[in-house]
Amino acid sequence: MNIILASKSPRRRELLTMLGLEFDVIPAVGEENVDESLTPGETVMSLALGKAREIAEQHPGSLVIGSDTLVYLDGKPMGKPSDEAEAANMLRQLSGRVHQVFTGVAVIHEGVEKADFEKTDVQFRELTEEEIKWYIGTKEPMDKAGSYGIQGQGAVFIPGISGDYFNVMGLPLCKLWSMLPKVQGE
């Protein structure tokens, strides 16, 4: 069976490879529209489904995996920073607080759609301005929701999480794995 990952994320590619699956990468390019009336879980599922549907339409018969991750603080989404100033502001907001990471996962195969999401609480320790400046200088925050990567140098800011570590990286592997047989068996 041909598996396609509808994402350009190198982290998702790495995680899917870790499962031992062979797959192609064909990133979705459609616009991400967020419906403000949806819950965080519904939002990330909707975005993941949109990506998966776009690629599934182009490749019928393939098993397509879509995913989308958003960081939420005080119930408000934090996307990827547009510049270093926005990244610094996001890190200041996260400093010393717990926030939530939601990742939606969608699997489409032969017209059957499955979508779900995972939520993880992430604790940040208090950050100094020097640490924020240092971290932004690494360029790591610039392509990540919430302006940090738990799997990289951002790990030094996170004393603990409650939930799925891989969810924070952008692909909840346990959730995805449980979805694959359901789609393949139908």
N, C-alpha and C. Protein backbone atom coordinates (compact mmCIF):
# COMPACT_ATOMS: atom_id res chain seq x y z
N MET A 1 0.84 -1.17 0.00
CA MET A 1 0.00 0.00 0.00
C MET A 1 0.89 1.24 0.00
N ASN A 2 0.53 2.21 -0.81
CA ASN A 2 1.28 3.46 -0.88
C ASN A 2 0.80 4.41 0.22
N ILE A 3 1.73 4.87 1.04
CA ILE A 3 1.42 5.80 2.13
C ILE A 3 2.02 7.15 1.77
N ILE A 4 1.24 8.21 1.99
CA ILE A 4 1.71 9.57 1.70
C ILE A 4 1.54 10.41 2.96
N LEU A 5 2.60 11.11 3.33
CA LEU A 5 2.55 12.09 4.40
C LEU A 5 2.30 13.45 3.77
N ALA A 6 1.18 14.07 4.10
CA ALA A 6 0.79 15.35 3.50
C ALA A 6 1.35 16.51 4.32
N SER A 7 2.65 16.50 4.56
CA SER A 7 3.28 17.51 5.41
C SER A 7 4.73 17.71 4.99
N LYS A 8 5.19 18.95 5.07
CA LYS A 8 6.59 19.23 4.78
C LYS A 8 7.44 19.23 6.04
N SER A 9 6.84 18.96 7.19
CA SER A 9 7.54 19.00 8.46
C SER A 9 8.62 17.92 8.55
N PRO A 10 9.88 18.33 8.75
CA PRO A 10 10.93 17.33 8.91
C PRO A 10 10.74 16.49 10.17
N ARG A 11 10.11 17.06 11.20
CA ARG A 11 9.87 16.30 12.42
C ARG A 11 8.84 15.19 12.19
N ARG A 12 7.78 15.50 11.46
CA ARG A 12 6.79 14.46 11.16
C ARG A 12 7.39 13.36 10.30
N ARG A 13 8.21 13.75 9.35
CA ARG A 13 8.89 12.77 8.49
C ARG A 13 9.77 11.86 9.34
N GLU A 14 10.52 12.44 10.26
CA GLU A 14 11.40 11.68 11.15
C GLU A 14 10.59 10.71 12.02
N LEU A 15 9.47 11.19 12.57
CA LEU A 15 8.67 10.34 13.44
C LEU A 15 8.01 9.19 12.68
N LEU A 16 7.53 9.47 11.49
CA LEU A 16 6.91 8.41 10.69
C LEU A 16 7.95 7.37 10.27
N THR A 17 9.14 7.82 9.96
CA THR A 17 10.24 6.91 9.63
C THR A 17 10.56 6.02 10.82
N MET A 18 10.49 6.60 12.02
CA MET A 18 10.78 5.85 13.25
C MET A 18 9.85 4.65 13.40
N LEU A 19 8.64 4.75 12.84
CA LEU A 19 7.68 3.63 12.93
C LEU A 19 8.02 2.51 11.95
N GLY A 20 8.99 2.75 11.08
CA GLY A 20 9.37 1.71 10.12
C GLY A 20 8.50 1.68 8.88
N LEU A 21 7.71 2.72 8.68
CA LEU A 21 6.84 2.76 7.52
C LEU A 21 7.56 3.36 6.32
N GLU A 22 7.26 2.84 5.13
CA GLU A 22 7.76 3.45 3.91
C GLU A 22 6.67 4.36 3.40
N PHE A 23 7.06 5.59 3.03
CA PHE A 23 6.06 6.56 2.62
C PHE A 23 6.70 7.61 1.71
N ASP A 24 5.84 8.29 0.98
CA ASP A 24 6.24 9.44 0.19
C ASP A 24 5.80 10.69 0.93
N VAL A 25 6.47 11.80 0.66
CA VAL A 25 6.10 13.08 1.24
C VAL A 25 5.59 13.98 0.13
N ILE A 26 4.32 14.36 0.23
CA ILE A 26 3.71 15.31 -0.70
C ILE A 26 2.97 16.34 0.14
N PRO A 27 3.62 17.47 0.42
CA PRO A 27 3.00 18.47 1.29
C PRO A 27 1.75 19.09 0.69
N ALA A 28 0.75 19.25 1.52
CA ALA A 28 -0.45 19.99 1.11
C ALA A 28 -0.06 21.47 1.01
N VAL A 29 -0.66 22.15 0.05
CA VAL A 29 -0.32 23.56 -0.15
C VAL A 29 -1.51 24.48 0.03
N GLY A 30 -2.69 23.91 0.29
CA GLY A 30 -3.90 24.71 0.44
C GLY A 30 -3.82 25.65 1.62
N GLU A 31 -4.69 26.64 1.60
CA GLU A 31 -4.74 27.63 2.67
C GLU A 31 -5.36 27.03 3.92
N GLU A 32 -4.77 27.36 5.07
CA GLU A 32 -5.30 26.89 6.35
C GLU A 32 -6.27 27.93 6.89
N ASN A 33 -7.54 27.59 6.89
CA ASN A 33 -8.56 28.48 7.43
C ASN A 33 -9.03 27.95 8.78
N VAL A 34 -8.95 28.79 9.80
CA VAL A 34 -9.35 28.40 11.15
C VAL A 34 -10.72 28.99 11.45
N ASP A 35 -11.65 28.13 11.82
CA ASP A 35 -12.99 28.53 12.22
C ASP A 35 -12.95 28.84 13.72
N GLU A 36 -13.14 30.09 14.07
CA GLU A 36 -13.03 30.56 15.46
C GLU A 36 -14.04 29.89 16.39
N SER A 37 -15.11 29.31 15.83
CA SER A 37 -16.15 28.71 16.68
C SER A 37 -15.79 27.29 17.13
N LEU A 38 -14.73 26.72 16.56
CA LEU A 38 -14.34 25.36 16.90
C LEU A 38 -13.50 25.31 18.17
N THR A 39 -13.56 24.18 18.86
CA THR A 39 -12.67 23.95 20.01
C THR A 39 -11.25 23.72 19.47
N PRO A 40 -10.24 23.79 20.33
CA PRO A 40 -8.88 23.51 19.86
C PRO A 40 -8.75 22.14 19.19
N GLY A 41 -9.35 21.12 19.79
CA GLY A 41 -9.29 19.78 19.19
C GLY A 41 -9.97 19.73 17.83
N GLU A 42 -11.14 20.34 17.73
CA GLU A 42 -11.84 20.39 16.45
C GLU A 42 -11.05 21.17 15.40
N THR A 43 -10.39 22.23 15.85
CA THR A 43 -9.60 23.04 14.92
C THR A 43 -8.47 22.24 14.30
N VAL A 44 -7.67 21.58 15.13
CA VAL A 44 -6.53 20.83 14.57
C VAL A 44 -6.98 19.63 13.75
N MET A 45 -8.10 19.01 14.13
CA MET A 45 -8.63 17.91 13.30
C MET A 45 -9.08 18.44 11.95
N SER A 46 -9.75 19.57 11.94
CA SER A 46 -10.21 20.17 10.69
C SER A 46 -9.04 20.51 9.78
N LEU A 47 -7.99 21.09 10.35
CA LEU A 47 -6.81 21.45 9.55
C LEU A 47 -6.11 20.20 9.02
N ALA A 48 -5.99 19.17 9.86
CA ALA A 48 -5.36 17.91 9.42
C ALA A 48 -6.17 17.25 8.31
N LEU A 49 -7.50 17.25 8.46
CA LEU A 49 -8.36 16.68 7.42
C LEU A 49 -8.24 17.44 6.11
N GLY A 50 -8.16 18.76 6.19
CA GLY A 50 -8.01 19.57 4.99
C GLY A 50 -6.76 19.20 4.22
N LYS A 51 -5.65 19.03 4.92
CA LYS A 51 -4.39 18.63 4.29
C LYS A 51 -4.51 17.24 3.67
N ALA A 52 -5.05 16.31 4.44
CA ALA A 52 -5.16 14.93 3.96
C ALA A 52 -6.10 14.85 2.75
N ARG A 53 -7.21 15.57 2.80
CA ARG A 53 -8.16 15.55 1.68
C ARG A 53 -7.53 16.09 0.40
N GLU A 54 -6.77 17.17 0.53
CA GLU A 54 -6.14 17.77 -0.65
C GLU A 54 -5.26 16.75 -1.38
N ILE A 55 -4.46 16.02 -0.62
CA ILE A 55 -3.54 15.05 -1.24
C ILE A 55 -4.28 13.78 -1.65
N ALA A 56 -5.27 13.35 -0.85
CA ALA A 56 -6.04 12.14 -1.20
C ALA A 56 -6.78 12.31 -2.52
N GLU A 57 -7.27 13.52 -2.80
CA GLU A 57 -7.95 13.77 -4.07
C GLU A 57 -7.00 13.59 -5.25
N GLN A 58 -5.76 13.93 -5.07
CA GLN A 58 -4.76 13.81 -6.13
C GLN A 58 -4.20 12.40 -6.25
N HIS A 59 -4.33 11.60 -5.18
CA HIS A 59 -3.74 10.26 -5.16
C HIS A 59 -4.74 9.24 -4.61
N PRO A 60 -5.82 8.99 -5.35
CA PRO A 60 -6.80 8.01 -4.86
C PRO A 60 -6.15 6.63 -4.75
N GLY A 61 -6.55 5.90 -3.74
CA GLY A 61 -5.99 4.57 -3.52
C GLY A 61 -4.82 4.57 -2.56
N SER A 62 -4.21 5.73 -2.35
CA SER A 62 -3.11 5.83 -1.38
C SER A 62 -3.69 6.05 0.02
N LEU A 63 -2.92 5.69 1.02
CA LEU A 63 -3.27 6.01 2.39
C LEU A 63 -2.58 7.34 2.69
N VAL A 64 -3.35 8.37 3.01
CA VAL A 64 -2.81 9.71 3.21
C VAL A 64 -2.93 10.10 4.68
N ILE A 65 -1.82 10.62 5.21
CA ILE A 65 -1.78 11.08 6.60
C ILE A 65 -1.59 12.59 6.61
N GLY A 66 -2.51 13.28 7.27
CA GLY A 66 -2.41 14.72 7.46
C GLY A 66 -2.31 15.03 8.94
N SER A 67 -1.64 16.12 9.27
CA SER A 67 -1.48 16.47 10.67
C SER A 67 -1.32 17.98 10.80
N ASP A 68 -1.76 18.53 11.92
CA ASP A 68 -1.58 19.94 12.20
C ASP A 68 -1.45 20.13 13.71
N THR A 69 -0.52 20.98 14.11
CA THR A 69 -0.25 21.22 15.52
C THR A 69 -0.43 22.70 15.85
N LEU A 70 -1.10 22.98 16.95
CA LEU A 70 -1.22 24.34 17.45
C LEU A 70 -0.93 24.36 18.95
N VAL A 71 -0.30 25.42 19.37
CA VAL A 71 -0.03 25.67 20.78
C VAL A 71 -1.10 26.63 21.27
N TYR A 72 -1.67 26.32 22.44
CA TYR A 72 -2.70 27.18 23.03
C TYR A 72 -2.25 27.64 24.41
N LEU A 73 -2.40 28.93 24.64
CA LEU A 73 -2.13 29.51 25.94
C LEU A 73 -3.37 30.31 26.33
N ASP A 74 -3.91 30.02 27.49
CA ASP A 74 -5.14 30.68 27.96
C ASP A 74 -6.26 30.56 26.93
N GLY A 75 -6.33 29.42 26.25
CA GLY A 75 -7.40 29.16 25.29
C GLY A 75 -7.23 29.84 23.94
N LYS A 76 -6.11 30.51 23.72
CA LYS A 76 -5.88 31.20 22.45
C LYS A 76 -4.74 30.54 21.70
N PRO A 77 -4.90 30.37 20.38
CA PRO A 77 -3.86 29.69 19.62
C PRO A 77 -2.62 30.56 19.40
N MET A 78 -1.47 29.90 19.41
CA MET A 78 -0.20 30.53 19.07
C MET A 78 0.35 29.77 17.86
N GLY A 79 0.44 30.44 16.76
CA GLY A 79 0.96 29.79 15.56
C GLY A 79 2.47 29.90 15.48
N LYS A 80 2.98 29.86 14.27
CA LYS A 80 4.41 30.04 14.05
C LYS A 80 4.70 31.55 14.04
N PRO A 81 5.83 31.95 14.59
CA PRO A 81 6.13 33.39 14.62
C PRO A 81 6.44 33.92 13.23
N SER A 82 6.05 35.16 12.98
CA SER A 82 6.33 35.77 11.68
C SER A 82 7.72 36.41 11.65
N ASP A 83 8.26 36.71 12.84
CA ASP A 83 9.59 37.29 12.90
C ASP A 83 10.16 37.06 14.31
N GLU A 84 11.39 37.51 14.52
CA GLU A 84 12.06 37.29 15.80
C GLU A 84 11.37 38.01 16.95
N ALA A 85 10.83 39.19 16.71
CA ALA A 85 10.13 39.94 17.76
C ALA A 85 8.90 39.17 18.23
N GLU A 86 8.16 38.59 17.28
CA GLU A 86 6.98 37.81 17.66
C GLU A 86 7.39 36.54 18.40
N ALA A 87 8.48 35.91 17.98
CA ALA A 87 8.98 34.72 18.68
C ALA A 87 9.34 35.06 20.12
N ALA A 88 10.03 36.18 20.32
CA ALA A 88 10.41 36.60 21.67
C ALA A 88 9.17 36.86 22.52
N ASN A 89 8.17 37.49 21.94
CA ASN A 89 6.93 37.77 22.67
C ASN A 89 6.23 36.47 23.07
N MET A 90 6.18 35.50 22.17
CA MET A 90 5.56 34.21 22.49
C MET A 90 6.30 33.53 23.63
N LEU A 91 7.63 33.53 23.58
CA LEU A 91 8.41 32.88 24.63
C LEU A 91 8.21 33.58 25.98
N ARG A 92 8.10 34.89 25.98
CA ARG A 92 7.81 35.62 27.22
C ARG A 92 6.46 35.20 27.79
N GLN A 93 5.47 35.03 26.91
CA GLN A 93 4.14 34.63 27.37
C GLN A 93 4.15 33.21 27.95
N LEU A 94 4.94 32.32 27.36
CA LEU A 94 5.00 30.92 27.83
C LEU A 94 5.81 30.77 29.11
N SER A 95 6.72 31.70 29.35
CA SER A 95 7.64 31.63 30.49
C SER A 95 6.92 31.43 31.82
N GLY A 96 7.31 30.38 32.52
CA GLY A 96 6.77 30.11 33.85
C GLY A 96 5.35 29.60 33.88
N ARG A 97 4.84 29.18 32.74
CA ARG A 97 3.42 28.80 32.67
C ARG A 97 3.24 27.43 32.03
N VAL A 98 2.04 26.90 32.19
CA VAL A 98 1.65 25.66 31.51
C VAL A 98 0.78 26.04 30.32
N HIS A 99 1.05 25.43 29.18
CA HIS A 99 0.22 25.64 27.99
C HIS A 99 -0.13 24.28 27.41
N GLN A 100 -0.98 24.29 26.41
CA GLN A 100 -1.44 23.05 25.79
C GLN A 100 -0.98 22.98 24.34
N VAL A 101 -0.60 21.78 23.94
CA VAL A 101 -0.27 21.51 22.54
C VAL A 101 -1.32 20.53 22.02
N PHE A 102 -2.00 20.93 20.96
CA PHE A 102 -3.01 20.08 20.31
C PHE A 102 -2.49 19.71 18.93
N THR A 103 -2.55 18.42 18.61
CA THR A 103 -2.21 17.96 17.27
C THR A 103 -3.36 17.14 16.73
N GLY A 104 -3.83 17.53 15.56
CA GLY A 104 -4.84 16.76 14.86
C GLY A 104 -4.18 15.81 13.89
N VAL A 105 -4.74 14.62 13.77
CA VAL A 105 -4.24 13.61 12.84
C VAL A 105 -5.41 13.12 12.01
N ALA A 106 -5.20 13.05 10.70
CA ALA A 106 -6.23 12.53 9.79
C ALA A 106 -5.61 11.45 8.92
N VAL A 107 -6.36 10.39 8.72
CA VAL A 107 -5.94 9.30 7.84
C VAL A 107 -7.08 9.06 6.86
N ILE A 108 -6.74 9.08 5.58
CA ILE A 108 -7.73 8.83 4.53
C ILE A 108 -7.23 7.70 3.66
N HIS A 109 -8.10 6.71 3.45
CA HIS A 109 -7.77 5.59 2.58
C HIS A 109 -9.04 5.09 1.91
N GLU A 110 -9.01 5.09 0.58
CA GLU A 110 -10.14 4.60 -0.21
C GLU A 110 -11.46 5.24 0.21
N GLY A 111 -11.44 6.54 0.41
CA GLY A 111 -12.65 7.28 0.74
C GLY A 111 -13.05 7.25 2.20
N VAL A 112 -12.38 6.45 3.01
CA VAL A 112 -12.69 6.38 4.44
C VAL A 112 -11.81 7.38 5.18
N GLU A 113 -12.43 8.27 5.94
CA GLU A 113 -11.70 9.29 6.69
C GLU A 113 -11.78 9.01 8.19
N LYS A 114 -10.63 9.11 8.81
CA LYS A 114 -10.55 9.04 10.27
C LYS A 114 -9.80 10.27 10.75
N ALA A 115 -10.29 10.90 11.79
CA ALA A 115 -9.60 12.06 12.35
C ALA A 115 -9.72 12.02 13.87
N ASP A 116 -8.66 12.44 14.52
CA ASP A 116 -8.65 12.51 15.97
C ASP A 116 -7.60 13.55 16.37
N PHE A 117 -7.48 13.79 17.66
CA PHE A 117 -6.48 14.74 18.13
C PHE A 117 -5.92 14.28 19.46
N GLU A 118 -4.79 14.86 19.79
CA GLU A 118 -4.14 14.60 21.07
C GLU A 118 -3.84 15.94 21.72
N LYS A 119 -3.90 15.98 23.06
CA LYS A 119 -3.60 17.20 23.83
C LYS A 119 -2.54 16.87 24.87
N THR A 120 -1.54 17.72 24.97
CA THR A 120 -0.48 17.56 25.95
C THR A 120 -0.27 18.89 26.67
N ASP A 121 -0.17 18.83 28.00
CA ASP A 121 0.16 20.01 28.80
C ASP A 121 1.68 20.11 28.90
N VAL A 122 2.20 21.30 28.63
CA VAL A 122 3.65 21.53 28.66
C VAL A 122 3.96 22.63 29.67
N GLN A 123 4.87 22.33 30.59
CA GLN A 123 5.30 23.30 31.60
C GLN A 123 6.59 23.98 31.13
N PHE A 124 6.57 25.30 31.12
CA PHE A 124 7.79 26.09 30.85
C PHE A 124 8.31 26.62 32.17
N ARG A 125 9.61 26.63 32.34
CA ARG A 125 10.18 27.30 33.51
C ARG A 125 10.30 28.79 33.19
N GLU A 126 10.60 29.59 34.20
CA GLU A 126 10.80 31.03 34.01
C GLU A 126 12.02 31.23 33.11
N LEU A 127 11.88 32.07 32.09
CA LEU A 127 12.97 32.35 31.17
C LEU A 127 13.51 33.76 31.41
N THR A 128 14.80 33.91 31.27
CA THR A 128 15.40 35.24 31.34
C THR A 128 15.41 35.84 29.93
N GLU A 129 15.56 37.16 29.87
CA GLU A 129 15.67 37.82 28.57
C GLU A 129 16.90 37.32 27.81
N GLU A 130 17.97 37.02 28.54
CA GLU A 130 19.18 36.51 27.89
C GLU A 130 18.93 35.15 27.26
N GLU A 131 18.17 34.29 27.95
CA GLU A 131 17.85 32.97 27.39
C GLU A 131 16.98 33.11 26.15
N ILE A 132 16.01 34.00 26.19
CA ILE A 132 15.13 34.21 25.03
C ILE A 132 15.95 34.70 23.84
N LYS A 133 16.84 35.65 24.09
CA LYS A 133 17.70 36.17 23.02
C LYS A 133 18.59 35.06 22.46
N TRP A 134 19.19 34.28 23.34
CA TRP A 134 20.04 33.15 22.91
C TRP A 134 19.24 32.19 22.04
N TYR A 135 18.05 31.82 22.52
CA TYR A 135 17.26 30.82 21.81
C TYR A 135 16.83 31.33 20.43
N ILE A 136 16.41 32.55 20.36
CA ILE A 136 16.03 33.12 19.06
C ILE A 136 17.24 33.13 18.12
N GLY A 137 18.42 33.37 18.68
CA GLY A 137 19.65 33.35 17.88
C GLY A 137 19.94 32.00 17.26
N THR A 138 19.40 30.93 17.83
CA THR A 138 19.61 29.59 17.26
C THR A 138 18.76 29.38 16.01
N LYS A 139 17.76 30.23 15.79
CA LYS A 139 16.80 30.16 14.68
C LYS A 139 15.80 29.01 14.83
N GLU A 140 15.94 28.20 15.86
CA GLU A 140 15.03 27.07 16.08
C GLU A 140 13.56 27.49 16.23
N PRO A 141 13.26 28.62 16.88
CA PRO A 141 11.86 28.97 17.09
C PRO A 141 11.09 29.36 15.84
N MET A 142 11.78 29.68 14.77
CA MET A 142 11.15 30.38 13.66
C MET A 142 10.15 29.57 12.84
N ASP A 143 10.21 28.26 12.87
CA ASP A 143 9.25 27.48 12.07
C ASP A 143 8.37 26.58 12.93
N LYS A 144 8.19 26.98 14.20
CA LYS A 144 7.46 26.11 15.12
C LYS A 144 6.33 26.86 15.82
N ALA A 145 5.20 26.19 15.93
CA ALA A 145 4.08 26.75 16.67
C ALA A 145 4.52 27.02 18.10
N GLY A 146 4.20 28.20 18.61
CA GLY A 146 4.60 28.56 19.96
C GLY A 146 6.04 28.99 20.07
N SER A 147 6.78 28.96 19.00
CA SER A 147 8.18 29.42 18.94
C SER A 147 9.17 28.54 19.70
N TYR A 148 8.89 27.25 19.81
CA TYR A 148 9.89 26.38 20.45
C TYR A 148 9.77 24.96 19.91
N GLY A 149 10.87 24.21 20.07
CA GLY A 149 10.88 22.79 19.73
C GLY A 149 11.33 22.00 20.93
N ILE A 150 10.48 21.10 21.41
CA ILE A 150 10.81 20.29 22.59
C ILE A 150 11.95 19.31 22.28
N GLN A 151 12.09 18.92 21.01
CA GLN A 151 13.08 17.93 20.62
C GLN A 151 14.44 18.55 20.34
N GLY A 152 14.54 19.88 20.45
CA GLY A 152 15.81 20.55 20.17
C GLY A 152 16.30 21.31 21.38
N GLN A 153 16.89 22.45 21.13
CA GLN A 153 17.45 23.26 22.20
C GLN A 153 16.38 23.81 23.13
N GLY A 154 15.14 23.90 22.65
CA GLY A 154 14.04 24.35 23.50
C GLY A 154 13.76 23.42 24.66
N ALA A 155 14.30 22.21 24.62
CA ALA A 155 14.10 21.25 25.70
C ALA A 155 14.59 21.78 27.04
N VAL A 156 15.57 22.68 27.03
CA VAL A 156 16.11 23.19 28.28
C VAL A 156 15.13 24.10 29.03
N PHE A 157 14.03 24.45 28.40
CA PHE A 157 13.03 25.31 29.03
C PHE A 157 11.87 24.51 29.64
N ILE A 158 11.85 23.20 29.43
CA ILE A 158 10.66 22.40 29.74
C ILE A 158 10.97 21.37 30.82
N PRO A 159 10.58 21.66 32.08
CA PRO A 159 10.84 20.70 33.14
C PRO A 159 9.88 19.52 33.16
N GLY A 160 8.76 19.62 32.45
CA GLY A 160 7.84 18.49 32.46
C GLY A 160 6.68 18.67 31.52
N ILE A 161 6.09 17.54 31.16
CA ILE A 161 4.88 17.53 30.35
C ILE A 161 3.91 16.53 30.95
N SER A 162 2.65 16.67 30.60
CA SER A 162 1.64 15.69 30.96
C SER A 162 0.93 15.31 29.67
N GLY A 163 1.26 14.12 29.18
CA GLY A 163 0.68 13.67 27.92
C GLY A 163 1.74 13.09 26.99
N ASP A 164 1.42 13.06 25.72
CA ASP A 164 2.24 12.43 24.69
C ASP A 164 3.37 13.36 24.23
N TYR A 165 4.61 12.95 24.47
CA TYR A 165 5.78 13.72 24.05
C TYR A 165 5.79 13.93 22.54
N PHE A 166 5.49 12.89 21.78
CA PHE A 166 5.53 12.99 20.32
C PHE A 166 4.46 13.94 19.78
N ASN A 167 3.38 14.11 20.54
CA ASN A 167 2.36 15.09 20.18
C ASN A 167 2.98 16.48 20.15
N VAL A 168 3.82 16.79 21.12
CA VAL A 168 4.46 18.10 21.19
C VAL A 168 5.41 18.28 20.01
N MET A 169 5.98 17.20 19.52
CA MET A 169 6.85 17.27 18.34
C MET A 169 6.04 17.43 17.05
N GLY A 170 4.75 17.10 17.09
CA GLY A 170 3.92 17.33 15.92
C GLY A 170 3.24 16.11 15.32
N LEU A 171 3.42 14.93 15.92
CA LEU A 171 2.74 13.74 15.41
C LEU A 171 2.58 12.72 16.53
N PRO A 172 1.38 12.65 17.13
CA PRO A 172 1.17 11.69 18.23
C PRO A 172 1.16 10.25 17.69
N LEU A 173 2.28 9.58 17.86
CA LEU A 173 2.48 8.27 17.24
C LEU A 173 1.50 7.21 17.73
N CYS A 174 1.22 7.19 19.02
CA CYS A 174 0.29 6.19 19.55
C CYS A 174 -1.09 6.37 18.93
N LYS A 175 -1.55 7.61 18.85
CA LYS A 175 -2.85 7.91 18.25
C LYS A 175 -2.86 7.51 16.78
N LEU A 176 -1.82 7.91 16.05
CA LEU A 176 -1.73 7.58 14.63
C LEU A 176 -1.73 6.08 14.42
N TRP A 177 -0.92 5.36 15.17
CA TRP A 177 -0.81 3.91 15.00
C TRP A 177 -2.16 3.23 15.21
N SER A 178 -2.92 3.70 16.20
CA SER A 178 -4.23 3.10 16.46
C SER A 178 -5.22 3.39 15.33
N MET A 179 -4.97 4.44 14.57
CA MET A 179 -5.87 4.79 13.47
C MET A 179 -5.55 4.00 12.20
N LEU A 180 -4.32 3.63 12.00
CA LEU A 180 -3.92 2.97 10.75
C LEU A 180 -4.62 1.64 10.51
N PRO A 181 -4.65 0.71 11.46
CA PRO A 181 -5.31 -0.56 11.20
C PRO A 181 -6.80 -0.40 10.93
N LYS A 182 -7.44 0.55 11.60
CA LYS A 182 -8.87 0.80 11.39
C LYS A 182 -9.14 1.17 9.95
N VAL A 183 -8.30 2.03 9.41
CA VAL A 183 -8.50 2.46 8.02
C VAL A 183 -8.13 1.34 7.07
N GLN A 184 -7.03 0.64 7.33
CA GLN A 184 -6.58 -0.43 6.45
C GLN A 184 -7.55 -1.61 6.45
N GLY A 185 -8.23 -1.82 7.58
CA GLY A 185 -9.12 -2.98 7.68
C GLY A 185 -10.50 -2.76 7.10
N GLU A 186 -10.81 -1.52 6.73
CA GLU A 186 -12.17 -1.26 6.24
C GLU A 186 -12.26 -1.40 4.73
